[in-house]
Amino acid sequence: MKKILLYISILIIIISCSSKKEEIAPSENIVVNMGSDPTTIDPTLNDIGVVSTYILHAFEGLTKTDKNNDIIPGIAEKWDVSEDGVTYTFNLRTNAKWSDGKPVTAYDFQYSWRRAVNPQTDASFAYMMEIIKNATNIRLGTMDITNLGVNVIDDYTLKVELENPSLFFLDFVASTGIFVPLREDIIKEYGDEWTLSPKTYICNGQYVLKERVPGEKIVYEENTNYYDKEEIVAKRITFVSDNNVANIIDQIFQNKVYFSALEPPANELEYLTGKGYIKPNDAIGTIYLELNITNEGLNDKRVRQALSLAIDRRYIVNNIVRGAQTSAGAFVPPAVKGIKHSFRDESSNFIELNNYQENIEKAKALMAEAGYSNGQNYPVLTLKVSPGI
């Protein structure tokens, strides 16, 4: 088996494993590294994109993605969409079970999604739920949680109402851990500690938690109750907890680790790529500047537009990060699918990527229009760089 150091911008999803320790051959155990030990593997409370890898191996949502990143049925075997694109009716599989043998029902989705938007939960990724009707007002505390546009028709039928038609809704449901179902009885009984033990970490995906050694490893094994065992690639997946890039690269060279999501040093990218240790892969993520619009200079949108135009995205990608990233001409990344092709290909960019000098001239004109000219009296800006999706 060839060992690969996989370099991805934000979100990585792998295929994995399961079964009894003494029965599993080394070739059936995939050893991977996603960085340091995750703070939590609670699908609702997780706030780190790469940790979704742990979650989406143990849990499955209404839809999922295949090896080509196409959306396919998950726990929902089929669905209907209203003519206005706002209402989705999902028909769930009747043979989908939790790892303890209980059936997965529409109520599990309703509970999980309500938990996510509940202001008391304070979920960092809850903003993704705002695609659903009334989620914003519920999060603001101005509307009761029962008004969320997620309604149970019966045990195996779930109706979801969106705020507006959204082509990427099914992508969100497939690739974002916050949309997976959860067991209300388990979380009520064990509280915040429900994710810490194999006994209480009840899952509905291809894998279950077998062992968890804080700061060292998290081991998943095959979920014997998963509805389609033919999809499961390996018997076990061992997540090695380590954020030391040099150490992980050395373990990959020694065939002790097969995959890592850590970003290698920029000066080693060319060497590792040439040796076949790096495989670029499409990922859904955008790195952006988060601006404080209460700042006197930034509360004028013309100044913000000028700042955006003045950032040479191609230079940053080609000369600083020197990875496999794509220059962002708009917020939605190329990996997001549109109607037939990439959403980005089907829509126009907001920033011209191939003519930086033209962008600079536009930026100067905007600054002059905002009352700044010839570089005089430009506002002092304090910027914070934050990760994207």
Protein backbone atom coordinates (compact mmCIF):
# COMPACT_ATOMS: atom_id res chain seq x y z
CA MET A 1 0.00 0.00 0.00
CA LYS A 2 1.52 3.35 -1.01
CA LYS A 3 1.59 5.92 1.76
CA ILE A 4 0.35 9.38 0.84
CA LEU A 5 0.61 12.77 2.50
CA LEU A 6 -2.57 14.46 1.36
CA TYR A 7 -2.50 18.25 1.31
CA ILE A 8 -5.96 19.88 1.40
CA SER A 9 -7.07 23.45 2.16
CA ILE A 10 -9.83 23.01 4.72
CA LEU A 11 -12.10 20.00 4.59
CA ILE A 12 -10.93 16.42 4.14
CA ILE A 13 -13.09 13.31 3.96
CA ILE A 14 -11.52 9.83 3.78
CA ILE A 15 -12.78 6.27 3.38
CA SER A 16 -12.21 3.95 6.37
CA CYS A 17 -12.47 0.74 8.49
CA SER A 18 -13.64 -1.74 11.41
CA SER A 19 -13.88 -5.15 13.40
CA LYS A 20 -12.30 -7.07 16.31
CA LYS A 21 -8.73 -6.21 17.17
CA GLU A 22 -7.25 -9.68 17.11
CA GLU A 23 -8.94 -10.52 13.80
CA ILE A 24 -7.67 -7.53 11.84
CA ALA A 25 -4.57 -7.87 9.69
CA PRO A 26 -2.23 -4.85 9.40
CA SER A 27 -3.29 -4.46 5.77
CA GLU A 28 -6.90 -3.93 6.92
CA ASN A 29 -6.01 -1.13 9.34
CA ILE A 30 -5.69 2.33 7.78
CA VAL A 31 -3.50 4.57 9.94
CA VAL A 32 -4.09 8.27 9.36
CA ASN A 33 -3.30 11.59 10.95
CA MET A 34 -5.68 14.56 11.05
CA GLY A 35 -3.56 16.68 13.39
CA SER A 36 -3.73 16.92 17.16
CA ASP A 37 -6.38 15.29 19.33
CA PRO A 38 -9.79 16.86 18.54
CA THR A 39 -11.36 18.94 21.29
CA THR A 40 -14.69 17.22 20.63
CA ILE A 41 -16.19 14.71 18.21
CA ASP A 42 -19.71 15.88 18.99
CA PRO A 43 -21.22 16.63 15.53
CA THR A 44 -23.09 19.65 16.89
CA LEU A 45 -20.30 21.19 18.93
CA ASN A 46 -17.36 20.60 16.60
CA ASP A 47 -15.93 23.85 15.22
CA ILE A 48 -12.91 22.58 13.26
CA GLY A 49 -13.35 21.62 9.61
CA VAL A 50 -10.84 18.77 9.59
CA VAL A 51 -12.56 17.08 12.57
CA SER A 52 -15.53 16.47 10.27
CA THR A 53 -13.49 13.50 9.06
CA TYR A 54 -14.00 11.78 12.42
CA ILE A 55 -17.68 12.67 12.47
CA LEU A 56 -18.57 11.68 8.92
CA HIS A 57 -17.02 8.25 9.38
CA ALA A 58 -19.17 7.57 12.43
CA PHE A 59 -22.37 9.32 11.33
CA GLU A 60 -24.34 9.52 8.10
CA GLY A 61 -26.77 12.25 7.11
CA LEU A 62 -29.68 12.30 4.71
CA THR A 63 -27.28 12.40 1.75
CA LYS A 64 -23.60 11.60 1.26
CA THR A 65 -20.93 11.88 -1.44
CA ASP A 66 -19.40 9.13 -3.54
CA LYS A 67 -15.74 8.87 -4.62
CA ASN A 68 -16.41 11.42 -7.38
CA ASN A 69 -17.89 13.89 -4.87
CA ASP A 70 -21.34 13.46 -6.40
CA ILE A 71 -24.35 13.58 -4.07
CA ILE A 72 -25.97 10.19 -3.52
CA PRO A 73 -28.63 8.88 -1.12
CA GLY A 74 -27.57 8.40 2.48
CA ILE A 75 -30.06 7.66 5.24
CA ALA A 76 -32.65 9.16 2.88
CA GLU A 77 -33.06 6.71 0.03
CA LYS A 78 -34.99 9.27 -2.03
CA TRP A 79 -36.45 12.78 -1.82
CA ASP A 80 -38.82 15.15 -3.59
CA VAL A 81 -38.35 18.87 -4.07
CA SER A 82 -41.23 21.32 -4.47
CA GLU A 83 -41.51 23.35 -7.68
CA ASP A 84 -40.35 26.50 -5.90
CA GLY A 85 -37.25 24.69 -4.60
CA VAL A 86 -38.05 25.49 -0.97
CA THR A 87 -39.55 22.28 0.42
CA TYR A 88 -37.73 18.93 0.52
CA THR A 89 -39.49 15.72 1.53
CA PHE A 90 -37.05 12.96 2.47
CA ASN A 91 -37.99 9.28 2.60
CA LEU A 92 -35.68 7.50 5.01
CA ARG A 93 -34.41 3.94 4.71
CA THR A 94 -36.31 1.56 6.94
CA ASN A 95 -33.22 -0.65 7.37
CA ALA A 96 -30.88 2.06 8.70
CA LYS A 97 -29.88 1.37 12.30
CA TRP A 98 -27.87 2.91 15.09
CA SER A 99 -24.82 1.06 16.33
CA ASP A 100 -26.86 -0.27 19.26
CA GLY A 101 -29.42 -1.76 16.86
CA LYS A 102 -32.21 0.81 17.22
CA PRO A 103 -33.74 2.19 13.98
CA VAL A 104 -32.72 5.61 12.65
CA THR A 105 -35.86 7.75 12.39
CA ALA A 106 -36.91 11.21 11.25
CA TYR A 107 -37.14 12.24 14.91
CA ASP A 108 -33.36 11.77 15.25
CA PHE A 109 -32.79 14.38 12.55
CA GLN A 110 -35.33 16.78 13.99
CA TYR A 111 -33.77 16.54 17.46
CA SER A 112 -30.23 17.02 16.13
CA TRP A 113 -31.06 20.04 13.99
CA ARG A 114 -33.07 21.69 16.74
CA ARG A 115 -30.19 21.11 19.14
CA ALA A 116 -27.84 22.82 16.67
CA VAL A 117 -29.90 26.03 16.36
CA ASN A 118 -30.77 26.24 20.04
CA PRO A 119 -29.05 29.41 21.37
CA GLN A 120 -28.25 27.58 24.60
CA THR A 121 -26.18 25.02 22.68
CA ASP A 122 -23.96 27.78 21.27
CA ALA A 123 -22.81 25.69 18.30
CA SER A 124 -20.10 27.44 16.27
CA PHE A 125 -21.27 25.98 12.93
CA ALA A 126 -24.96 26.69 13.65
CA TYR A 127 -24.89 29.51 11.09
CA MET A 128 -24.94 26.81 8.42
CA MET A 129 -28.42 25.92 9.67
CA GLU A 130 -29.69 29.36 8.69
CA ILE A 131 -30.46 27.93 5.27
CA ILE A 132 -33.50 26.35 7.01
CA LYS A 133 -36.70 28.29 7.61
CA ASN A 134 -36.76 30.29 10.88
CA ALA A 135 -33.28 29.13 11.97
CA THR A 136 -31.95 32.69 12.13
CA ASN A 137 -34.74 33.96 14.39
CA ILE A 138 -34.45 30.89 16.62
CA ARG A 139 -30.72 31.48 17.03
CA LEU A 140 -31.42 35.12 17.90
CA GLY A 141 -33.86 33.97 20.57
CA THR A 142 -36.87 35.67 19.01
CA MET A 143 -38.66 32.48 17.97
CA ASP A 144 -39.29 29.14 19.64
CA ILE A 145 -37.21 26.16 18.54
CA THR A 146 -40.34 24.25 17.51
CA ASN A 147 -40.73 26.69 14.60
CA LEU A 148 -37.65 25.35 12.82
CA GLY A 149 -38.59 24.25 9.31
CA VAL A 150 -37.95 20.56 10.03
CA ASN A 151 -41.09 18.50 10.52
CA VAL A 152 -41.60 14.78 11.10
CA ILE A 153 -44.38 13.35 8.94
CA ASP A 154 -43.86 9.84 10.29
CA ASP A 155 -40.94 7.71 11.51
CA TYR A 156 -39.40 7.55 8.04
CA THR A 157 -40.52 10.80 6.40
CA LEU A 158 -38.94 14.18 7.08
CA LYS A 159 -40.07 17.49 5.56
CA VAL A 160 -37.58 20.34 5.43
CA GLU A 161 -38.47 23.93 4.50
CA LEU A 162 -35.73 26.34 3.45
CA GLU A 163 -35.68 30.11 3.73
CA ASN A 164 -34.92 30.37 0.01
CA PRO A 165 -34.18 27.94 -2.84
CA SER A 166 -30.59 26.77 -2.36
CA LEU A 167 -28.83 24.55 -4.89
CA PHE A 168 -26.13 23.67 -2.37
CA PHE A 169 -28.51 22.40 0.35
CA LEU A 170 -27.94 18.72 -0.46
CA ASP A 171 -24.17 19.35 -0.51
CA PHE A 172 -24.41 20.92 2.95
CA VAL A 173 -26.37 17.95 4.25
CA ALA A 174 -23.83 15.50 2.81
CA SER A 175 -20.59 17.17 3.85
CA THR A 176 -21.32 19.03 7.08
CA GLY A 177 -21.35 17.13 10.37
CA ILE A 178 -23.87 19.43 12.01
CA PHE A 179 -26.62 17.96 9.77
CA VAL A 180 -26.25 14.33 10.90
CA PRO A 181 -28.87 12.72 13.18
CA LEU A 182 -28.26 12.25 16.92
CA ARG A 183 -29.84 10.20 19.67
CA GLU A 184 -31.74 12.38 22.13
CA ASP A 185 -31.92 9.63 24.78
CA ILE A 186 -28.16 9.12 24.78
CA ILE A 187 -27.28 12.82 25.04
CA LYS A 188 -29.86 13.43 27.76
CA GLU A 189 -28.51 10.54 29.82
CA TYR A 190 -24.77 11.17 29.45
CA GLY A 191 -24.62 14.91 28.74
CA ASP A 192 -21.34 16.33 27.42
CA GLU A 193 -19.54 13.04 28.16
CA TRP A 194 -21.51 11.02 25.60
CA THR A 195 -18.66 11.22 23.05
CA LEU A 196 -15.92 9.96 25.37
CA SER A 197 -16.68 6.25 25.51
CA PRO A 198 -17.31 3.55 22.88
CA LYS A 199 -20.31 2.49 24.97
CA THR A 200 -22.03 5.87 24.71
CA TYR A 201 -20.80 7.18 21.34
CA ILE A 202 -23.80 5.74 19.49
CA CYS A 203 -23.36 6.17 15.72
CA ASN A 204 -25.28 5.43 12.53
CA GLY A 205 -22.42 5.53 10.01
CA GLN A 206 -19.98 2.97 8.66
CA TYR A 207 -17.76 3.00 11.75
CA VAL A 208 -18.03 2.97 15.52
CA LEU A 209 -15.68 4.19 18.21
CA LYS A 210 -13.59 1.24 19.43
CA GLU A 211 -10.92 2.94 21.52
CA ARG A 212 -10.01 6.46 22.57
CA VAL A 213 -6.68 7.29 24.20
CA PRO A 214 -6.56 11.07 24.84
CA GLY A 215 -3.61 12.73 23.14
CA GLU A 216 -2.55 9.51 21.43
CA LYS A 217 -5.17 7.94 19.16
CA ILE A 218 -8.82 7.39 18.28
CA VAL A 219 -9.68 4.00 16.82
CA TYR A 220 -12.77 3.25 14.70
CA GLU A 221 -13.97 -0.18 13.64
CA GLU A 222 -16.67 -1.49 11.35
CA ASN A 223 -20.28 -0.80 12.37
CA THR A 224 -21.87 -4.23 12.06
CA ASN A 225 -25.31 -2.60 11.96
CA TYR A 226 -24.56 -0.42 8.92
CA TYR A 227 -27.14 -1.02 6.20
CA ASP A 228 -24.65 -1.58 3.36
CA LYS A 229 -21.50 -3.38 4.50
CA GLU A 230 -20.27 -3.61 0.89
CA GLU A 231 -19.47 0.11 1.04
CA ILE A 232 -17.03 -0.33 3.93
CA VAL A 233 -13.47 -0.31 2.61
CA ALA A 234 -11.34 -1.44 5.56
CA LYS A 235 -11.85 -3.12 8.90
CA ARG A 236 -10.31 -0.43 11.08
CA ILE A 237 -9.13 3.15 10.93
CA THR A 238 -6.63 4.42 13.49
CA PHE A 239 -6.42 8.20 13.88
CA VAL A 240 -2.97 9.06 15.26
CA SER A 241 -3.04 12.31 17.25
CA ASP A 242 0.00 14.43 16.40
CA ASN A 243 0.40 17.94 14.99
CA ASN A 244 4.18 17.75 14.57
CA VAL A 245 4.59 17.92 10.80
CA ALA A 246 8.20 16.72 10.74
CA ASN A 247 7.33 13.73 12.92
CA ILE A 248 4.36 12.74 10.76
CA ILE A 249 6.36 13.07 7.53
CA ASP A 250 9.00 10.78 9.04
CA GLN A 251 6.30 8.23 10.00
CA ILE A 252 4.95 8.33 6.44
CA PHE A 253 8.46 7.64 5.10
CA GLN A 254 8.60 4.63 7.48
CA ASN A 255 5.15 3.35 6.37
CA LYS A 256 3.75 3.82 9.89
CA VAL A 257 1.18 6.43 8.77
CA TYR A 258 -0.60 6.22 5.41
CA PHE A 259 -2.27 9.62 5.26
CA SER A 260 -1.99 13.03 6.87
CA ALA A 261 -3.99 16.23 6.60
CA LEU A 262 -1.20 18.36 8.07
CA GLU A 263 0.18 21.08 5.84
CA PRO A 264 3.84 20.42 5.01
CA PRO A 265 6.37 23.29 5.00
CA ALA A 266 6.21 25.32 1.79
CA ASN A 267 9.89 24.64 1.07
CA GLU A 268 9.24 20.88 1.05
CA LEU A 269 6.20 20.89 -1.23
CA GLU A 270 8.12 20.43 -4.45
CA TYR A 271 10.23 17.58 -3.06
CA LEU A 272 7.28 15.71 -1.50
CA THR A 273 5.19 16.16 -4.63
CA GLY A 274 7.99 14.87 -6.83
CA LYS A 275 8.33 11.78 -4.65
CA GLY A 276 4.60 11.10 -4.89
CA TYR A 277 3.81 11.79 -1.24
CA ILE A 278 1.44 14.67 -1.89
CA LYS A 279 -1.85 14.34 -3.69
CA PRO A 280 -3.84 17.58 -4.15
CA ASN A 281 -7.57 17.10 -3.77
CA ASP A 282 -10.60 19.33 -4.18
CA ALA A 283 -11.87 20.67 -0.88
CA ILE A 284 -14.70 22.99 0.08
CA GLY A 285 -13.11 25.93 1.84
CA THR A 286 -12.31 29.61 1.52
CA ILE A 287 -9.70 31.62 3.41
CA TYR A 288 -10.76 35.22 3.83
CA LEU A 289 -10.25 38.45 5.77
CA GLU A 290 -12.87 39.07 8.42
CA LEU A 291 -13.39 42.81 8.74
CA ASN A 292 -14.66 44.81 11.69
CA ILE A 293 -17.13 47.17 10.01
CA THR A 294 -17.45 49.28 13.17
CA ASN A 295 -13.95 50.52 12.32
CA GLU A 296 -14.22 54.12 11.07
CA GLY A 297 -12.40 53.31 7.84
CA LEU A 298 -14.14 50.03 7.11
CA ASN A 299 -17.74 51.09 7.60
CA ASP A 300 -17.67 52.46 4.05
CA LYS A 301 -18.24 49.59 1.62
CA ARG A 302 -16.14 51.36 -1.04
CA VAL A 303 -13.11 51.07 1.22
CA ARG A 304 -13.82 47.40 1.78
CA GLN A 305 -14.17 46.84 -1.96
CA ALA A 306 -10.91 48.66 -2.59
CA LEU A 307 -9.14 46.53 0.00
CA SER A 308 -10.46 43.36 -1.65
CA LEU A 309 -9.33 44.52 -5.09
CA ALA A 310 -5.87 45.38 -3.75
CA ILE A 311 -5.18 41.82 -2.57
CA ASP A 312 -3.18 39.99 -5.23
CA ARG A 313 -4.66 36.53 -4.80
CA ARG A 314 -2.61 34.89 -7.53
CA TYR A 315 0.65 36.16 -6.02
CA ILE A 316 -0.28 34.79 -2.60
CA VAL A 317 -1.17 31.36 -4.01
CA ASN A 318 1.83 31.09 -6.33
CA ASN A 319 4.56 32.62 -4.21
CA ILE A 320 3.61 32.40 -0.54
CA VAL A 321 1.51 29.33 0.21
CA ARG A 322 2.74 27.54 -2.94
CA GLY A 323 0.27 24.71 -2.50
CA ALA A 324 -2.65 23.42 -4.52
CA GLN A 325 -5.02 26.23 -3.61
CA THR A 326 -7.05 28.15 -6.18
CA SER A 327 -7.18 31.93 -6.24
CA ALA A 328 -10.59 33.05 -4.99
CA GLY A 329 -12.48 35.31 -7.37
CA ALA A 330 -15.58 35.00 -5.19
CA PHE A 331 -16.54 33.42 -1.87
CA VAL A 332 -18.01 30.10 -3.08
CA PRO A 333 -15.09 27.80 -4.01
CA PRO A 334 -14.84 25.81 -7.28
CA ALA A 335 -15.41 22.47 -5.50
CA VAL A 336 -19.06 23.37 -4.84
CA LYS A 337 -21.25 21.87 -7.54
CA GLY A 338 -23.78 23.89 -9.50
CA ILE A 339 -26.61 22.65 -11.70
CA LYS A 340 -24.39 20.68 -14.08
CA HIS A 341 -20.82 21.77 -13.40
CA SER A 342 -18.92 23.76 -10.80
CA PHE A 343 -20.98 26.56 -9.23
CA ARG A 344 -18.03 28.90 -9.81
CA ASP A 345 -17.88 28.00 -13.51
CA GLU A 346 -21.61 28.63 -13.84
CA SER A 347 -21.36 32.00 -12.06
CA SER A 348 -19.12 34.98 -12.63
CA ASN A 349 -16.20 35.96 -10.42
CA PHE A 350 -16.42 39.20 -8.46
CA ILE A 351 -12.69 39.81 -8.69
CA GLU A 352 -10.72 39.71 -11.96
CA LEU A 353 -7.85 37.34 -11.23
CA ASN A 354 -5.77 37.86 -14.38
CA ASN A 355 -5.38 41.64 -14.39
CA TYR A 356 -4.11 42.85 -11.04
CA GLN A 357 -3.10 46.27 -12.31
CA GLU A 358 -6.67 46.91 -13.46
CA ASN A 359 -7.88 45.94 -9.97
CA ILE A 360 -5.46 48.45 -8.43
CA GLU A 361 -6.83 51.24 -10.61
CA LYS A 362 -10.38 50.35 -9.60
CA ALA A 363 -9.30 50.30 -5.94
CA LYS A 364 -7.74 53.78 -6.24
CA ALA A 365 -10.91 55.12 -7.85
CA LEU A 366 -13.04 53.70 -5.05
CA MET A 367 -10.78 55.20 -2.38
CA ALA A 368 -10.94 58.59 -4.09
CA GLU A 369 -14.73 58.31 -4.28
CA ALA A 370 -14.74 57.56 -0.53
CA GLY A 371 -12.78 60.74 0.15
CA TYR A 372 -9.21 59.48 0.08
CA SER A 373 -6.85 60.56 -2.66
CA ASN A 374 -3.22 59.98 -3.62
CA GLY A 375 -2.66 57.72 -0.65
CA GLN A 376 -3.33 60.56 1.77
CA ASN A 377 -5.18 60.02 5.05
CA TYR A 378 -5.92 56.37 4.38
CA PRO A 379 -7.58 54.80 7.41
CA VAL A 380 -5.48 52.68 9.72
CA LEU A 381 -6.86 49.14 9.45
CA THR A 382 -6.53 46.36 11.99
CA LEU A 383 -7.24 43.06 10.26
CA LYS A 384 -7.87 39.57 11.63
CA VAL A 385 -7.30 36.59 9.38
CA SER A 386 -9.86 33.82 9.92
CA PRO A 387 -10.30 30.41 8.27
CA GLY A 388 -13.11 29.89 5.80
CA ILE A 389 -15.93 27.34 5.81
